[in-house]
């Protein structure tokens, strides 16, 4: 069964950094495009960043230049390095397949506040 376990969130001041990790129980992980999604308070869950099989990446405009998605296929893990965090980055972050999400994990809470 497909399962995603996110970790690394927390409370951080504006301008700070966090690194999120997602351990994926997925057959043939390396052959799947992966993504991070964010659900901010009162809003729908939206795509934040994606990484394809070949390593090419996509970011939503608001995080370009600040966030970096990466993957370690040997560990079935996808990461999200978040720098220069802003209060509007607050939300629950989830990882899943890119464009065809399946079972959602618990997510990890990121709160950016002074």
Protein backbone atom coordinates (compact mmCIF):
# COMPACT_ATOMS: atom_id res chain seq x y z
CA UNK A 1 0.00 0.00 0.00
CA UNK A 2 1.24 3.47 -0.88
CA UNK A 3 2.16 5.52 2.18
CA UNK A 4 3.83 8.88 2.70
CA UNK A 5 5.28 10.03 6.03
CA UNK A 6 6.20 13.70 6.23
CA UNK A 7 8.46 15.26 8.87
CA UNK A 8 10.58 18.30 9.61
CA UNK A 9 7.99 20.98 10.18
CA UNK A 10 7.89 23.37 13.10
CA UNK A 11 7.65 26.95 14.24
CA UNK A 12 10.12 29.33 12.66
CA UNK A 13 10.55 33.09 12.52
CA UNK A 14 10.18 34.98 9.24
CA UNK A 15 13.41 34.70 7.28
CA UNK A 16 14.24 31.33 8.79
CA UNK A 17 14.70 27.94 7.16
CA UNK A 18 13.32 24.43 7.45
CA UNK A 19 13.99 21.17 5.65
CA UNK A 20 11.07 18.83 5.16
CA UNK A 21 11.46 15.12 4.48
CA UNK A 22 9.02 12.59 3.09
CA UNK A 23 9.56 8.85 3.37
CA UNK A 24 7.58 7.13 0.66
CA UNK A 25 6.50 3.51 0.74
CA UNK A 26 6.12 3.25 -3.01
CA UNK A 27 7.01 0.52 -5.43
CA UNK A 28 9.45 1.79 -8.05
CA UNK A 29 9.84 5.14 -6.31
CA UNK A 30 12.49 6.28 -8.78
CA UNK A 31 10.02 5.96 -11.65
CA UNK A 32 7.49 8.40 -10.17
CA UNK A 33 7.37 12.16 -10.31
CA UNK A 34 6.93 13.46 -6.77
CA UNK A 35 5.63 16.70 -5.33
CA UNK A 36 5.06 18.75 -2.21
CA UNK A 37 1.67 20.30 -1.60
CA UNK A 38 0.56 22.87 0.98
CA UNK A 39 -2.76 23.50 2.65
CA UNK A 40 -2.86 26.93 4.26
CA UNK A 41 -5.54 27.85 6.82
CA UNK A 42 -8.88 28.31 5.09
CA UNK A 43 -7.55 27.38 1.67
CA UNK A 44 -7.44 24.33 -0.57
CA UNK A 45 -4.40 22.13 -0.90
CA UNK A 46 -2.13 23.45 -3.66
CA UNK A 47 1.01 22.32 -5.41
CA UNK A 48 4.22 23.88 -4.07
CA UNK A 49 6.97 22.04 -5.94
CA UNK A 50 7.49 18.95 -8.07
CA UNK A 51 10.41 16.87 -9.24
CA UNK A 52 10.21 14.60 -12.24
CA UNK A 53 11.95 11.30 -12.89
CA UNK A 54 14.78 12.99 -14.75
CA UNK A 55 15.27 15.54 -12.00
CA UNK A 56 13.63 18.55 -13.59
CA UNK A 57 11.70 20.68 -11.13
CA UNK A 58 8.65 22.92 -11.04
CA UNK A 59 7.75 25.52 -8.42
CA UNK A 60 4.75 27.67 -7.75
CA UNK A 61 5.62 31.32 -8.33
CA UNK A 62 5.50 32.35 -4.68
CA UNK A 63 8.33 30.00 -3.66
CA UNK A 64 10.66 30.29 -6.64
CA UNK A 65 14.17 31.15 -5.53
CA UNK A 66 13.42 30.25 -1.91
CA UNK A 67 12.43 26.56 -1.93
CA UNK A 68 14.32 23.62 -3.41
CA UNK A 69 12.85 20.16 -3.97
CA UNK A 70 15.14 17.16 -4.24
CA UNK A 71 14.98 13.38 -4.01
CA UNK A 72 17.11 10.45 -2.92
CA UNK A 73 15.93 7.40 -4.84
CA UNK A 74 18.12 5.07 -2.78
CA UNK A 75 16.20 6.12 0.33
CA UNK A 76 12.75 6.52 -1.26
CA UNK A 77 12.75 10.04 0.15
CA UNK A 78 11.85 13.46 -1.19
CA UNK A 79 12.96 16.70 0.47
CA UNK A 80 11.89 20.32 0.49
CA UNK A 81 14.47 22.88 1.58
CA UNK A 82 12.67 26.08 2.51
CA UNK A 83 14.64 29.28 2.97
CA UNK A 84 13.66 32.88 3.64
CA UNK A 85 10.34 31.71 5.02
CA UNK A 86 7.39 34.10 5.09
CA UNK A 87 4.21 34.09 7.20
CA UNK A 88 2.23 33.17 4.07
CA UNK A 89 4.20 29.91 3.85
CA UNK A 90 2.35 28.72 6.95
CA UNK A 91 0.36 25.55 6.42
CA UNK A 92 0.40 21.79 6.47
CA UNK A 93 2.82 20.34 3.95
CA UNK A 94 2.19 17.00 2.25
CA UNK A 95 4.10 14.96 -0.26
CA UNK A 96 2.53 12.74 -2.89
CA UNK A 97 2.74 11.79 -6.53
CA UNK A 98 2.86 14.73 -8.92
CA UNK A 99 -0.51 15.41 -10.61
CA UNK A 100 -2.07 12.14 -9.48
CA UNK A 101 -2.09 12.20 -5.68
CA UNK A 102 -3.34 9.11 -3.90
CA UNK A 103 -3.44 8.35 -0.18
CA UNK A 104 -2.59 11.51 1.73
CA UNK A 105 -0.33 11.25 4.76
CA UNK A 106 -0.65 13.22 7.98
CA UNK A 107 1.45 16.06 6.66
CA UNK A 108 3.80 18.23 8.66
CA UNK A 109 2.83 21.60 10.11
CA UNK A 110 4.93 24.63 9.22
CA UNK A 111 4.23 27.85 11.09
CA UNK A 112 6.10 31.03 10.20
CA UNK A 113 5.55 33.65 12.85
CA UNK A 114 7.44 36.09 15.03
